[in-house]
Amino acid sequence: MIKDEAKKEKLIGSVKTLLEAARKNNATIVHCLINTAQDPPVANKAREHWYTVHKPMLESMPNMGAEYDEIAPKKAARGGGGHESVSLRAPGYRSVLVAEGIVPLLRETPGIKHLILGGIATSGAVLGTATHGTDLDFVVTVVGDACWDPNQEVHNALINTVIPT
């Protein structure tokens, strides 16, 4: 999705650095992805957009729904176990914390009181998860360099003004 190669490489580098630090410190890492095999809930406002834009794109280019290989967890981590796992949520939700089992995982893992976020898009999953996490009494930090949004002005406004509050 990121056409500008310099921005793409900067984002990938930032995410890799963040992941390396988390892995080195045995932090719990959850890769949160959209389950492209599911449909949005019936009453979700994003439902029509999913069927007219995203689903046709994913059918023609399935790799668009996959996590970038350089940052994806090792095969052994997929499905859970250890400190690194993958969580899937239905399309249409902004917060990754709606995914089945993710909040219990965070609550039941000793010491987790802080969420450190990066992701795509800043105006979607990142903002949704940051506000939801705060409402669930987690301390939330968004790493601006590990986030991207198709609208750079929106990304900047969120990272510099909205999210820090």
C-alpha atoms as a PDB file:
ATOM      1  CA  MET A   1       0.000   0.000   0.000  1.00  0.00           C
ATOM      2  CA  ILE A   2       2.892   2.370   0.625  1.00  0.00           C
ATOM      3  CA  LYS A   3       4.023   3.709  -2.731  1.00  0.00           C
ATOM      4  CA  ASP A   4       6.869   5.910  -1.470  1.00  0.00           C
ATOM      5  CA  GLU A   5       9.804   3.478  -1.088  1.00  0.00           C
ATOM      6  CA  ALA A   6      11.697   5.718   1.352  1.00  0.00           C
ATOM      7  CA  LYS A   7       8.666   5.963   3.669  1.00  0.00           C
ATOM      8  CA  LYS A   8       8.068   2.227   3.353  1.00  0.00           C
ATOM      9  CA  GLU A   9      11.669   1.357   4.252  1.00  0.00           C
ATOM     10  CA  LYS A  10      11.648   3.816   7.165  1.00  0.00           C
ATOM     11  CA  LEU A  11       8.439   2.255   8.514  1.00  0.00           C
ATOM     12  CA  ILE A  12       9.762  -1.301   8.133  1.00  0.00           C
ATOM     13  CA  GLY A  13      13.025  -0.329   9.815  1.00  0.00           C
ATOM     14  CA  SER A  14      11.181   1.259  12.746  1.00  0.00           C
ATOM     15  CA  VAL A  15       8.908  -1.744  13.190  1.00  0.00           C
ATOM     16  CA  LYS A  16      11.853  -4.153  13.033  1.00  0.00           C
ATOM     17  CA  THR A  17      13.720  -2.110  15.664  1.00  0.00           C
ATOM     18  CA  LEU A  18      10.647  -2.092  17.916  1.00  0.00           C
ATOM     19  CA  LEU A  19      10.176  -5.852  17.491  1.00  0.00           C
ATOM     20  CA  GLU A  20      13.857  -6.584  18.140  1.00  0.00           C
ATOM     21  CA  ALA A  21      13.726  -4.617  21.395  1.00  0.00           C
ATOM     22  CA  ALA A  22      10.533  -6.386  22.479  1.00  0.00           C
ATOM     23  CA  ARG A  23      11.938  -9.816  21.624  1.00  0.00           C
ATOM     24  CA  LYS A  24      15.208  -9.076  23.408  1.00  0.00           C
ATOM     25  CA  ASN A  25      13.279  -8.117  26.538  1.00  0.00           C
ATOM     26  CA  ASN A  26      10.889 -11.101  26.354  1.00  0.00           C
ATOM     27  CA  ALA A  27       7.891  -8.794  26.011  1.00  0.00           C
ATOM     28  CA  THR A  28       4.589 -10.297  24.971  1.00  0.00           C
ATOM     29  CA  ILE A  29       4.097  -9.476  21.286  1.00  0.00           C
ATOM     30  CA  VAL A  30       0.759  -9.840  19.551  1.00  0.00           C
ATOM     31  CA  HIS A  31       0.623  -9.355  15.777  1.00  0.00           C
ATOM     32  CA  CYS A  32      -2.948  -8.207  15.158  1.00  0.00           C
ATOM     33  CA  LEU A  33      -4.296  -8.813  11.674  1.00  0.00           C
ATOM     34  CA  ILE A  34      -7.644  -8.645   9.920  1.00  0.00           C
ATOM     35  CA  ASN A  35      -9.201 -12.031   9.264  1.00  0.00           C
ATOM     36  CA  THR A  36      -9.880 -11.584   5.559  1.00  0.00           C
ATOM     37  CA  ALA A  37     -11.978 -14.770   5.514  1.00  0.00           C
ATOM     38  CA  GLN A  38     -14.575 -13.100   7.743  1.00  0.00           C
ATOM     39  CA  ASP A  39     -17.074 -10.399   6.878  1.00  0.00           C
ATOM     40  CA  PRO A  40     -17.803  -7.296   8.947  1.00  0.00           C
ATOM     41  CA  PRO A  41     -20.755  -7.427  11.330  1.00  0.00           C
ATOM     42  CA  VAL A  42     -24.100  -6.724   9.644  1.00  0.00           C
ATOM     43  CA  ALA A  43     -24.618  -3.337  11.334  1.00  0.00           C
ATOM     44  CA  ASN A  44     -21.030  -2.135  10.777  1.00  0.00           C
ATOM     45  CA  LYS A  45     -20.720   1.056   8.731  1.00  0.00           C
ATOM     46  CA  ALA A  46     -17.620  -0.322   6.983  1.00  0.00           C
ATOM     47  CA  ARG A  47     -19.534  -3.310   5.592  1.00  0.00           C
ATOM     48  CA  GLU A  48     -20.358  -1.801   2.178  1.00  0.00           C
ATOM     49  CA  HIS A  49     -16.812  -0.452   1.788  1.00  0.00           C
ATOM     50  CA  TRP A  50     -15.466  -3.916   2.655  1.00  0.00           C
ATOM     51  CA  TYR A  51     -17.507  -5.557  -0.128  1.00  0.00           C
ATOM     52  CA  THR A  52     -16.913  -2.894  -2.771  1.00  0.00           C
ATOM     53  CA  VAL A  53     -13.251  -1.995  -2.158  1.00  0.00           C
ATOM     54  CA  HIS A  54     -11.290  -4.226   0.206  1.00  0.00           C
ATOM     55  CA  LYS A  55     -12.684  -7.686  -0.539  1.00  0.00           C
ATOM     56  CA  PRO A  56     -12.285  -7.365  -4.359  1.00  0.00           C
ATOM     57  CA  MET A  57      -8.726  -6.043  -3.848  1.00  0.00           C
ATOM     58  CA  LEU A  58      -7.845  -8.942  -1.537  1.00  0.00           C
ATOM     59  CA  GLU A  59      -9.339 -11.465  -3.952  1.00  0.00           C
ATOM     60  CA  SER A  60      -7.172 -10.114  -6.773  1.00  0.00           C
ATOM     61  CA  MET A  61      -4.072  -9.603  -4.579  1.00  0.00           C
ATOM     62  CA  PRO A  62      -4.256 -11.943  -1.541  1.00  0.00           C
ATOM     63  CA  ASN A  63      -0.794 -10.890  -0.341  1.00  0.00           C
ATOM     64  CA  MET A  64      -2.263  -7.483   0.576  1.00  0.00           C
ATOM     65  CA  GLY A  65      -3.917  -9.150   3.578  1.00  0.00           C
ATOM     66  CA  ALA A  66      -0.740 -10.808   4.818  1.00  0.00           C
ATOM     67  CA  GLU A  67       1.770  -9.452   7.289  1.00  0.00           C
ATOM     68  CA  TYR A  68       5.020  -8.290   5.720  1.00  0.00           C
ATOM     69  CA  ASP A  69       7.497 -11.208   5.875  1.00  0.00           C
ATOM     70  CA  GLU A  70      10.290  -9.189   7.492  1.00  0.00           C
ATOM     71  CA  ILE A  71       8.180  -8.421  10.558  1.00  0.00           C
ATOM     72  CA  ALA A  72       5.946 -11.486  10.757  1.00  0.00           C
ATOM     73  CA  PRO A  73       6.590 -13.855  13.653  1.00  0.00           C
ATOM     74  CA  LYS A  74       8.460 -17.057  13.029  1.00  0.00           C
ATOM     75  CA  LYS A  75       6.268 -19.995  11.979  1.00  0.00           C
ATOM     76  CA  ALA A  76       6.548 -21.561  15.457  1.00  0.00           C
ATOM     77  CA  ALA A  77       4.931 -18.474  17.017  1.00  0.00           C
ATOM     78  CA  ARG A  78       1.875 -18.475  14.740  1.00  0.00           C
ATOM     79  CA  GLY A  79      -1.180 -19.602  16.637  1.00  0.00           C
ATOM     80  CA  GLY A  80       0.157 -18.621  20.030  1.00  0.00           C
ATOM     81  CA  GLY A  81       2.533 -19.884  22.617  1.00  0.00           C
ATOM     82  CA  GLY A  82       5.614 -18.248  24.009  1.00  0.00           C
ATOM     83  CA  HIS A  83       5.898 -14.492  23.965  1.00  0.00           C
ATOM     84  CA  GLU A  84       4.763 -13.920  20.389  1.00  0.00           C
ATOM     85  CA  SER A  85       1.457 -14.747  18.744  1.00  0.00           C
ATOM     86  CA  VAL A  86      -0.943 -13.714  15.991  1.00  0.00           C
ATOM     87  CA  SER A  87      -4.462 -12.510  16.685  1.00  0.00           C
ATOM     88  CA  LEU A  88      -7.155 -12.132  14.026  1.00  0.00           C
ATOM     89  CA  ARG A  89     -10.170  -9.841  14.150  1.00  0.00           C
ATOM     90  CA  ALA A  90     -13.125  -9.448  11.833  1.00  0.00           C
ATOM     91  CA  PRO A  91     -12.942  -6.559   9.368  1.00  0.00           C
ATOM     92  CA  GLY A  92     -14.819  -3.392  10.265  1.00  0.00           C
ATOM     93  CA  TYR A  93     -13.526  -3.035  13.813  1.00  0.00           C
ATOM     94  CA  ARG A  94     -11.053  -0.275  14.629  1.00  0.00           C
ATOM     95  CA  SER A  95      -9.663  -1.720  17.855  1.00  0.00           C
ATOM     96  CA  VAL A  96      -7.606  -4.893  17.772  1.00  0.00           C
ATOM     97  CA  LEU A  97      -8.738  -5.461  21.355  1.00  0.00           C
ATOM     98  CA  VAL A  98     -12.082  -6.811  20.082  1.00  0.00           C
ATOM     99  CA  ALA A  99     -10.355  -9.958  18.776  1.00  0.00           C
ATOM    100  CA  GLU A 100     -11.393 -13.086  20.632  1.00  0.00           C
ATOM    101  CA  GLY A 101      -9.097 -13.879  23.519  1.00  0.00           C
ATOM    102  CA  ILE A 102      -6.787 -10.879  23.277  1.00  0.00           C
ATOM    103  CA  VAL A 103      -7.945  -8.970  26.373  1.00  0.00           C
ATOM    104  CA  PRO A 104      -7.891 -12.129  28.552  1.00  0.00           C
ATOM    105  CA  LEU A 105      -4.373 -12.864  27.242  1.00  0.00           C
ATOM    106  CA  LEU A 106      -3.242  -9.383  28.241  1.00  0.00           C
ATOM    107  CA  ARG A 107      -5.019  -9.478  31.624  1.00  0.00           C
ATOM    108  CA  GLU A 108      -3.774 -12.968  32.524  1.00  0.00           C
ATOM    109  CA  THR A 109      -0.139 -12.401  31.566  1.00  0.00           C
ATOM    110  CA  PRO A 110       1.675 -11.162  34.684  1.00  0.00           C
ATOM    111  CA  GLY A 111       3.017  -7.657  34.454  1.00  0.00           C
ATOM    112  CA  ILE A 112       1.143  -6.426  31.387  1.00  0.00           C
ATOM    113  CA  LYS A 113      -0.123  -2.969  32.169  1.00  0.00           C
ATOM    114  CA  HIS A 114       1.365  -1.142  29.185  1.00  0.00           C
ATOM    115  CA  LEU A 115       0.573  -1.483  25.472  1.00  0.00           C
ATOM    116  CA  ILE A 116       3.121  -0.272  22.924  1.00  0.00           C
ATOM    117  CA  LEU A 117       1.517   0.143  19.514  1.00  0.00           C
ATOM    118  CA  GLY A 118       2.568   0.482  15.913  1.00  0.00           C
ATOM    119  CA  GLY A 119       0.563  -0.269  12.814  1.00  0.00           C
ATOM    120  CA  ILE A 120      -1.430   0.633   9.754  1.00  0.00           C
ATOM    121  CA  ALA A 121      -3.419   2.812   9.620  1.00  0.00           C
ATOM    122  CA  THR A 122      -2.818   5.476  12.222  1.00  0.00           C
ATOM    123  CA  SER A 123      -6.380   6.772  11.726  1.00  0.00           C
ATOM    124  CA  GLY A 124      -7.860   3.264  11.947  1.00  0.00           C
ATOM    125  CA  ALA A 125      -6.498   0.386  14.001  1.00  0.00           C
ATOM    126  CA  VAL A 126      -3.857   2.426  15.824  1.00  0.00           C
ATOM    127  CA  LEU A 127      -6.208   5.180  17.006  1.00  0.00           C
ATOM    128  CA  GLY A 128      -9.001   2.686  17.742  1.00  0.00           C
ATOM    129  CA  THR A 129      -6.735   0.423  19.771  1.00  0.00           C
ATOM    130  CA  ALA A 130      -5.067   3.313  21.599  1.00  0.00           C
ATOM    131  CA  THR A 131      -8.370   4.763  22.796  1.00  0.00           C
ATOM    132  CA  HIS A 132      -9.856   1.345  23.588  1.00  0.00           C
ATOM    133  CA  GLY A 133      -6.710   0.329  25.493  1.00  0.00           C
ATOM    134  CA  THR A 134      -6.848   3.530  27.516  1.00  0.00           C
ATOM    135  CA  ASP A 135     -10.518   2.857  28.318  1.00  0.00           C
ATOM    136  CA  LEU A 136      -9.468  -0.593  29.585  1.00  0.00           C
ATOM    137  CA  ASP A 137      -6.950   1.065  31.952  1.00  0.00           C
ATOM    138  CA  PHE A 138      -3.779   0.135  30.073  1.00  0.00           C
ATOM    139  CA  VAL A 139      -0.998   2.663  29.762  1.00  0.00           C
ATOM    140  CA  VAL A 140      -0.750   3.134  25.989  1.00  0.00           C
ATOM    141  CA  THR A 141       2.250   4.324  23.994  1.00  0.00           C
ATOM    142  CA  VAL A 142       2.018   4.780  20.234  1.00  0.00           C
ATOM    143  CA  VAL A 143       5.356   4.694  18.407  1.00  0.00           C
ATOM    144  CA  GLY A 144       4.804   7.247  15.649  1.00  0.00           C
ATOM    145  CA  ASP A 145       7.655   5.997  13.463  1.00  0.00           C
ATOM    146  CA  ALA A 146       6.142   2.495  13.570  1.00  0.00           C
ATOM    147  CA  CYS A 147       2.789   3.736  12.221  1.00  0.00           C
ATOM    148  CA  TRP A 148       1.585   4.787   8.789  1.00  0.00           C
ATOM    149  CA  ASP A 149      -1.527   6.364   7.371  1.00  0.00           C
ATOM    150  CA  PRO A 150      -2.434   7.020   3.732  1.00  0.00           C
ATOM    151  CA  ASN A 151      -3.017  10.657   4.695  1.00  0.00           C
ATOM    152  CA  GLN A 152       0.242  12.094   6.060  1.00  0.00           C
ATOM    153  CA  GLU A 153      -1.512  15.172   7.499  1.00  0.00           C
ATOM    154  CA  VAL A 154      -3.931  12.987   9.440  1.00  0.00           C
ATOM    155  CA  HIS A 155      -1.050  10.807  10.665  1.00  0.00           C
ATOM    156  CA  ASN A 156       0.869  13.885  11.856  1.00  0.00           C
ATOM    157  CA  ALA A 157      -2.169  15.391  13.597  1.00  0.00           C
ATOM    158  CA  LEU A 158      -2.938  12.139  15.385  1.00  0.00           C
ATOM    159  CA  ILE A 159       0.653  11.420  16.451  1.00  0.00           C
ATOM    160  CA  ASN A 160       1.473  15.007  17.462  1.00  0.00           C
ATOM    161  CA  THR A 161      -1.838  16.207  18.898  1.00  0.00           C
ATOM    162  CA  VAL A 162      -4.625  13.693  19.425  1.00  0.00           C
ATOM    163  CA  ILE A 163      -2.947  10.515  20.680  1.00  0.00           C
ATOM    164  CA  PRO A 164      -0.592  12.123  23.239  1.00  0.00           C
ATOM    165  CA  THR A 165      -3.606  13.480  25.141  1.00  0.00           C
END
